[in-house]
């Protein structure tokens, strides 16, 4: 078997379509992001798929993600906290860098504004 390249995929906001509120790292509330299952199935034909999540830094979160993925019929090759060496990273908060620093600054500002809006919406719902 040949060595396969790795694609690293973020969990929250990429595979998991989050529910209204965050409970804790090991309790996952939400549904599968539309198209995620099929996309991952297709990618697994060629690549090793690693789910990487900041959640995994918390006790029980890695196991919770693995269980959630299994329960939702999503097969991956690993779940971890550390970002592995990969040929591609799929992340809802990623900012592409193409060799010129001024280009990503607008996107960073947009992501920060989106995060502030999400935080305020969660605050108002509680």
N, C-alpha and C. Protein backbone atom coordinates (compact mmCIF):
# COMPACT_ATOMS: atom_id res chain seq x y z
N UNK A 1 0.85 -1.20 0.00
CA UNK A 1 0.00 0.00 0.00
C UNK A 1 0.89 1.25 0.00
N UNK A 2 0.57 2.19 -0.83
CA UNK A 2 1.37 3.40 -0.92
C UNK A 2 1.03 4.36 0.23
N UNK A 3 1.99 5.23 0.52
CA UNK A 3 1.72 6.24 1.54
C UNK A 3 0.73 7.25 0.97
N UNK A 4 -0.25 7.59 1.77
CA UNK A 4 -1.26 8.55 1.33
C UNK A 4 -1.01 9.88 2.00
N UNK A 5 -1.29 10.95 1.28
CA UNK A 5 -1.20 12.28 1.87
C UNK A 5 -2.36 12.46 2.84
N UNK A 6 -2.17 13.40 3.76
CA UNK A 6 -3.18 13.66 4.79
C UNK A 6 -3.92 14.96 4.49
N UNK A 7 -5.23 14.94 4.73
CA UNK A 7 -6.05 16.14 4.75
C UNK A 7 -6.56 16.28 6.17
N UNK A 8 -6.34 17.44 6.75
CA UNK A 8 -6.77 17.73 8.12
C UNK A 8 -8.06 18.55 8.06
N UNK A 9 -9.08 18.10 8.79
CA UNK A 9 -10.38 18.77 8.76
C UNK A 9 -10.77 19.19 10.17
N UNK A 10 -11.13 20.43 10.34
CA UNK A 10 -11.62 20.95 11.61
C UNK A 10 -12.98 20.32 11.90
N UNK A 11 -13.35 20.22 13.16
CA UNK A 11 -14.62 19.61 13.53
C UNK A 11 -15.75 20.64 13.63
N UNK A 12 -15.67 21.54 14.62
CA UNK A 12 -16.74 22.52 14.85
C UNK A 12 -16.86 23.49 13.69
N UNK A 13 -18.05 23.59 13.13
CA UNK A 13 -18.30 24.53 12.05
C UNK A 13 -17.91 24.02 10.67
N UNK A 14 -17.32 22.81 10.61
CA UNK A 14 -16.93 22.24 9.32
C UNK A 14 -17.61 20.88 9.12
N UNK A 15 -17.47 20.01 10.09
CA UNK A 15 -18.19 18.73 10.07
C UNK A 15 -19.45 18.85 10.92
N UNK A 16 -19.32 19.47 12.07
CA UNK A 16 -20.46 19.67 12.98
C UNK A 16 -21.12 21.01 12.72
N UNK A 17 -22.39 20.95 12.41
CA UNK A 17 -23.20 22.17 12.34
C UNK A 17 -23.73 22.37 13.74
N UNK A 18 -23.16 23.33 14.43
CA UNK A 18 -23.42 23.47 15.86
C UNK A 18 -24.84 23.89 16.17
N UNK A 19 -25.27 23.42 17.34
CA UNK A 19 -26.57 23.80 17.85
C UNK A 19 -26.55 25.23 18.35
N UNK A 20 -27.58 25.58 19.05
CA UNK A 20 -27.75 26.94 19.53
C UNK A 20 -26.72 27.32 20.58
N UNK A 21 -26.31 26.35 21.40
CA UNK A 21 -25.42 26.71 22.50
C UNK A 21 -24.32 25.67 22.69
N UNK A 22 -23.24 26.12 23.29
CA UNK A 22 -22.10 25.28 23.66
C UNK A 22 -22.33 24.83 25.09
N UNK A 23 -22.22 23.54 25.36
CA UNK A 23 -22.37 23.03 26.72
C UNK A 23 -20.99 22.82 27.33
N UNK A 24 -20.22 21.91 26.74
CA UNK A 24 -18.83 21.69 27.13
C UNK A 24 -18.15 20.90 26.02
N UNK A 25 -16.84 20.75 26.13
CA UNK A 25 -16.07 20.14 25.05
C UNK A 25 -16.47 18.70 24.77
N UNK A 26 -16.90 17.97 25.79
CA UNK A 26 -17.24 16.55 25.61
C UNK A 26 -18.71 16.31 25.30
N UNK A 27 -19.53 17.34 25.32
CA UNK A 27 -20.96 17.19 24.99
C UNK A 27 -21.20 17.90 23.66
N UNK A 28 -21.52 17.12 22.65
CA UNK A 28 -21.64 17.65 21.30
C UNK A 28 -23.11 17.80 20.92
N UNK A 29 -23.50 19.03 20.63
CA UNK A 29 -24.87 19.33 20.24
C UNK A 29 -24.82 19.92 18.83
N UNK A 30 -25.52 19.27 17.92
CA UNK A 30 -25.56 19.77 16.55
C UNK A 30 -25.73 18.62 15.58
N UNK A 31 -25.82 18.96 14.32
CA UNK A 31 -26.04 17.98 13.26
C UNK A 31 -24.86 18.00 12.29
N UNK A 32 -24.86 17.06 11.36
CA UNK A 32 -23.82 17.02 10.35
C UNK A 32 -24.00 18.20 9.38
N UNK A 33 -22.90 18.89 9.13
CA UNK A 33 -22.92 19.98 8.16
C UNK A 33 -23.32 19.39 6.80
N UNK A 34 -24.28 19.99 6.10
CA UNK A 34 -24.70 19.46 4.81
C UNK A 34 -23.51 19.24 3.87
N UNK A 35 -23.43 18.03 3.33
CA UNK A 35 -22.39 17.68 2.38
C UNK A 35 -21.11 17.15 3.00
N UNK A 36 -20.95 17.28 4.32
CA UNK A 36 -19.69 16.86 4.97
C UNK A 36 -19.45 15.36 4.85
N UNK A 37 -20.46 14.56 5.13
CA UNK A 37 -20.29 13.10 5.10
C UNK A 37 -19.83 12.65 3.71
N UNK A 38 -20.50 13.13 2.69
CA UNK A 38 -20.18 12.73 1.32
C UNK A 38 -18.79 13.23 0.90
N UNK A 39 -18.46 14.44 1.30
CA UNK A 39 -17.15 14.99 0.95
C UNK A 39 -16.03 14.19 1.60
N UNK A 40 -16.21 13.82 2.86
CA UNK A 40 -15.20 13.04 3.57
C UNK A 40 -15.08 11.65 2.95
N UNK A 41 -16.21 11.04 2.61
CA UNK A 41 -16.16 9.73 1.92
C UNK A 41 -15.34 9.83 0.65
N UNK A 42 -15.57 10.87 -0.13
CA UNK A 42 -14.83 11.05 -1.37
C UNK A 42 -13.34 11.29 -1.13
N UNK A 43 -13.02 12.12 -0.16
CA UNK A 43 -11.62 12.39 0.15
C UNK A 43 -10.89 11.14 0.63
N UNK A 44 -11.59 10.28 1.38
CA UNK A 44 -10.96 9.07 1.92
C UNK A 44 -10.57 8.08 0.82
N UNK A 45 -11.09 8.25 -0.38
CA UNK A 45 -10.68 7.38 -1.49
C UNK A 45 -9.22 7.61 -1.84
N UNK A 46 -8.72 8.81 -1.57
CA UNK A 46 -7.36 9.19 -1.96
C UNK A 46 -6.47 9.58 -0.78
N UNK A 47 -7.06 10.15 0.25
CA UNK A 47 -6.29 10.75 1.35
C UNK A 47 -6.57 10.08 2.69
N UNK A 48 -5.63 10.24 3.61
CA UNK A 48 -5.85 9.93 5.02
C UNK A 48 -6.55 11.15 5.61
N UNK A 49 -7.63 10.93 6.34
CA UNK A 49 -8.40 12.04 6.90
C UNK A 49 -8.20 12.09 8.41
N UNK A 50 -7.70 13.23 8.89
CA UNK A 50 -7.52 13.47 10.32
C UNK A 50 -8.41 14.64 10.72
N UNK A 51 -9.25 14.42 11.73
CA UNK A 51 -10.05 15.50 12.29
C UNK A 51 -9.22 16.10 13.42
N UNK A 52 -9.06 17.39 13.36
CA UNK A 52 -8.28 18.11 14.35
C UNK A 52 -9.19 19.14 15.00
N UNK A 53 -9.21 19.14 16.35
CA UNK A 53 -10.11 20.05 17.04
C UNK A 53 -9.49 20.56 18.33
N UNK A 54 -9.67 21.84 18.58
CA UNK A 54 -9.23 22.41 19.85
C UNK A 54 -9.98 21.77 21.02
N UNK A 55 -11.18 21.23 20.76
CA UNK A 55 -11.94 20.53 21.80
C UNK A 55 -11.12 19.43 22.45
N UNK A 56 -10.28 18.78 21.64
CA UNK A 56 -9.54 17.59 22.09
C UNK A 56 -8.55 17.89 23.21
N UNK A 57 -8.31 19.16 23.49
CA UNK A 57 -7.45 19.53 24.61
C UNK A 57 -8.16 19.30 25.95
N UNK A 58 -9.46 19.07 25.91
CA UNK A 58 -10.26 18.90 27.13
C UNK A 58 -10.57 17.43 27.38
N UNK A 59 -10.64 17.02 28.64
CA UNK A 59 -10.91 15.61 28.96
C UNK A 59 -12.21 15.11 28.33
N UNK A 60 -12.13 13.94 27.71
CA UNK A 60 -13.30 13.28 27.14
C UNK A 60 -13.71 13.75 25.77
N UNK A 61 -13.12 14.83 25.28
CA UNK A 61 -13.58 15.41 24.01
C UNK A 61 -13.20 14.56 22.81
N UNK A 62 -12.00 14.00 22.78
CA UNK A 62 -11.59 13.18 21.64
C UNK A 62 -12.53 12.00 21.48
N UNK A 63 -12.80 11.32 22.58
CA UNK A 63 -13.72 10.17 22.55
C UNK A 63 -15.12 10.61 22.13
N UNK A 64 -15.57 11.78 22.62
CA UNK A 64 -16.90 12.29 22.26
C UNK A 64 -16.99 12.57 20.76
N UNK A 65 -15.95 13.15 20.18
CA UNK A 65 -15.95 13.42 18.75
C UNK A 65 -15.97 12.11 17.97
N UNK A 66 -15.12 11.15 18.36
CA UNK A 66 -15.10 9.86 17.68
C UNK A 66 -16.46 9.19 17.74
N UNK A 67 -17.11 9.22 18.90
CA UNK A 67 -18.44 8.61 19.04
C UNK A 67 -19.47 9.33 18.18
N UNK A 68 -19.42 10.66 18.16
CA UNK A 68 -20.36 11.44 17.35
C UNK A 68 -20.17 11.13 15.87
N UNK A 69 -18.91 11.08 15.42
CA UNK A 69 -18.64 10.76 14.02
C UNK A 69 -19.19 9.37 13.67
N UNK A 70 -18.91 8.38 14.51
CA UNK A 70 -19.40 7.02 14.28
C UNK A 70 -20.93 6.98 14.23
N UNK A 71 -21.57 7.66 15.18
CA UNK A 71 -23.04 7.67 15.24
C UNK A 71 -23.65 8.31 14.01
N UNK A 72 -22.88 9.20 13.36
CA UNK A 72 -23.39 9.90 12.18
C UNK A 72 -22.83 9.33 10.87
N UNK A 73 -22.22 8.15 10.94
CA UNK A 73 -21.76 7.46 9.74
C UNK A 73 -20.60 8.13 9.04
N UNK A 74 -19.76 8.84 9.79
CA UNK A 74 -18.61 9.53 9.20
C UNK A 74 -17.35 8.78 9.64
N UNK A 75 -16.65 8.23 8.65
CA UNK A 75 -15.45 7.45 8.93
C UNK A 75 -14.22 8.31 8.63
N UNK A 76 -13.35 8.43 9.65
CA UNK A 76 -12.09 9.16 9.48
C UNK A 76 -10.96 8.27 10.00
N UNK A 77 -9.74 8.69 9.74
CA UNK A 77 -8.59 7.90 10.13
C UNK A 77 -8.02 8.28 11.49
N UNK A 78 -8.49 9.37 12.07
CA UNK A 78 -8.01 9.77 13.37
C UNK A 78 -8.65 11.07 13.83
N UNK A 79 -8.64 11.27 15.15
CA UNK A 79 -9.13 12.51 15.76
C UNK A 79 -8.06 12.93 16.75
N UNK A 80 -7.64 14.19 16.68
CA UNK A 80 -6.58 14.65 17.57
C UNK A 80 -6.63 16.14 17.79
N UNK A 81 -5.85 16.60 18.76
CA UNK A 81 -5.78 18.01 19.09
C UNK A 81 -4.70 18.71 18.26
N UNK A 82 -3.55 18.06 18.11
CA UNK A 82 -2.43 18.67 17.40
C UNK A 82 -2.67 18.67 15.90
N UNK A 83 -2.29 19.76 15.27
CA UNK A 83 -2.42 19.86 13.82
C UNK A 83 -1.32 19.01 13.17
N UNK A 84 -1.69 18.01 12.38
CA UNK A 84 -0.67 17.17 11.75
C UNK A 84 -0.10 17.82 10.49
N UNK A 85 1.00 17.27 10.02
CA UNK A 85 1.50 17.67 8.72
C UNK A 85 0.47 17.18 7.69
N UNK A 86 0.03 18.06 6.82
CA UNK A 86 -1.01 17.69 5.85
C UNK A 86 -0.81 18.48 4.56
N UNK A 87 -1.37 17.94 3.48
CA UNK A 87 -1.30 18.66 2.20
C UNK A 87 -2.38 19.74 2.13
N UNK A 88 -3.42 19.63 2.98
CA UNK A 88 -4.50 20.62 3.00
C UNK A 88 -5.17 20.63 4.36
N UNK A 89 -5.64 21.80 4.75
CA UNK A 89 -6.37 21.99 6.00
C UNK A 89 -7.71 22.63 5.66
N UNK A 90 -8.78 21.99 6.09
CA UNK A 90 -10.12 22.52 5.85
C UNK A 90 -10.64 23.02 7.18
N UNK A 91 -10.83 24.34 7.28
CA UNK A 91 -11.17 24.97 8.56
C UNK A 91 -12.01 26.22 8.28
N UNK A 92 -13.09 26.37 9.03
CA UNK A 92 -13.98 27.51 8.80
C UNK A 92 -13.36 28.84 9.24
N UNK A 93 -12.28 28.80 9.98
CA UNK A 93 -11.64 30.04 10.42
C UNK A 93 -10.26 30.24 9.81
N UNK A 94 -9.95 29.47 8.80
CA UNK A 94 -8.65 29.59 8.15
C UNK A 94 -8.58 30.82 7.26
N UNK A 95 -7.42 31.41 7.21
CA UNK A 95 -7.16 32.54 6.33
C UNK A 95 -6.05 32.11 5.38
N UNK A 96 -6.35 32.03 4.09
CA UNK A 96 -5.31 31.60 3.14
C UNK A 96 -4.16 32.61 3.07
N UNK A 97 -2.96 32.09 2.94
CA UNK A 97 -1.79 32.95 2.78
C UNK A 97 -1.11 32.58 1.48
N UNK A 98 -0.95 33.56 0.59
CA UNK A 98 -0.36 33.28 -0.72
C UNK A 98 0.96 34.01 -0.92
N UNK A 99 1.63 34.37 0.17
CA UNK A 99 2.94 34.99 0.05
C UNK A 99 2.98 36.49 0.23
N UNK A 100 1.84 37.11 0.42
CA UNK A 100 1.79 38.56 0.59
C UNK A 100 0.96 38.89 1.83
N UNK A 101 1.58 39.54 2.81
CA UNK A 101 0.88 39.81 4.06
C UNK A 101 -0.31 40.75 3.97
N UNK A 102 -0.34 41.74 3.20
CA UNK A 102 -1.53 42.61 3.23
C UNK A 102 -2.83 41.88 2.86
N UNK A 103 -2.75 40.89 1.99
CA UNK A 103 -3.96 40.23 1.49
C UNK A 103 -4.84 39.62 2.58
N UNK A 104 -4.31 38.90 3.58
CA UNK A 104 -5.19 38.25 4.56
C UNK A 104 -5.82 39.18 5.59
N UNK A 105 -5.36 40.42 5.69
CA UNK A 105 -5.81 41.29 6.78
C UNK A 105 -7.30 41.58 6.76
N UNK A 106 -7.87 41.75 5.58
CA UNK A 106 -9.32 42.00 5.48
C UNK A 106 -10.10 40.80 5.97
N UNK A 107 -9.64 39.61 5.61
CA UNK A 107 -10.33 38.40 6.04
C UNK A 107 -10.24 38.20 7.55
N UNK A 108 -9.10 38.53 8.15
CA UNK A 108 -8.96 38.45 9.60
C UNK A 108 -9.97 39.37 10.27
N UNK A 109 -10.11 40.58 9.76
CA UNK A 109 -11.08 41.53 10.32
C UNK A 109 -12.50 40.99 10.20
N UNK A 110 -12.82 40.36 9.07
CA UNK A 110 -14.16 39.79 8.86
C UNK A 110 -14.42 38.63 9.82
N UNK A 111 -13.44 37.74 9.98
CA UNK A 111 -13.59 36.62 10.92
C UNK A 111 -13.79 37.12 12.35
N UNK A 112 -13.05 38.15 12.73
CA UNK A 112 -13.18 38.72 14.08
C UNK A 112 -14.58 39.31 14.28
N UNK A 113 -15.09 40.00 13.27
CA UNK A 113 -16.43 40.58 13.37
C UNK A 113 -17.48 39.48 13.47
N UNK A 114 -17.32 38.40 12.70
CA UNK A 114 -18.26 37.27 12.76
C UNK A 114 -18.25 36.63 14.14
N UNK A 115 -17.07 36.47 14.72
CA UNK A 115 -16.96 35.87 16.06
C UNK A 115 -17.63 36.75 17.11
N UNK A 116 -17.44 38.06 17.02
CA UNK A 116 -18.11 38.97 17.96
C UNK A 116 -19.63 38.85 17.84
N UNK A 117 -20.14 38.74 16.62
CA UNK A 117 -21.58 38.60 16.40
C UNK A 117 -22.10 37.29 16.97
N UNK A 118 -21.36 36.18 16.77
CA UNK A 118 -21.78 34.88 17.33
C UNK A 118 -21.79 34.92 18.85
N UNK A 119 -20.76 35.53 19.44
CA UNK A 119 -20.67 35.62 20.89
C UNK A 119 -21.84 36.43 21.45
N UNK A 120 -22.18 37.52 20.81
CA UNK A 120 -23.31 38.35 21.26
C UNK A 120 -24.63 37.58 21.13
N UNK A 121 -24.81 36.86 20.03
CA UNK A 121 -26.04 36.09 19.84
C UNK A 121 -26.18 35.02 20.91
N UNK A 122 -25.07 34.32 21.25
CA UNK A 122 -25.12 33.32 22.31
C UNK A 122 -25.46 33.96 23.65
N UNK A 123 -24.88 35.14 23.92
CA UNK A 123 -25.13 35.84 25.18
C UNK A 123 -26.62 36.19 25.30
N UNK A 124 -27.22 36.64 24.23
CA UNK A 124 -28.63 37.03 24.25
C UNK A 124 -29.56 35.84 24.41
N UNK A 125 -29.13 34.65 23.96
CA UNK A 125 -29.97 33.45 24.05
C UNK A 125 -29.94 32.82 25.43
N UNK A 126 -28.92 33.14 26.21
CA UNK A 126 -28.81 32.54 27.56
C UNK A 126 -29.53 33.34 28.61
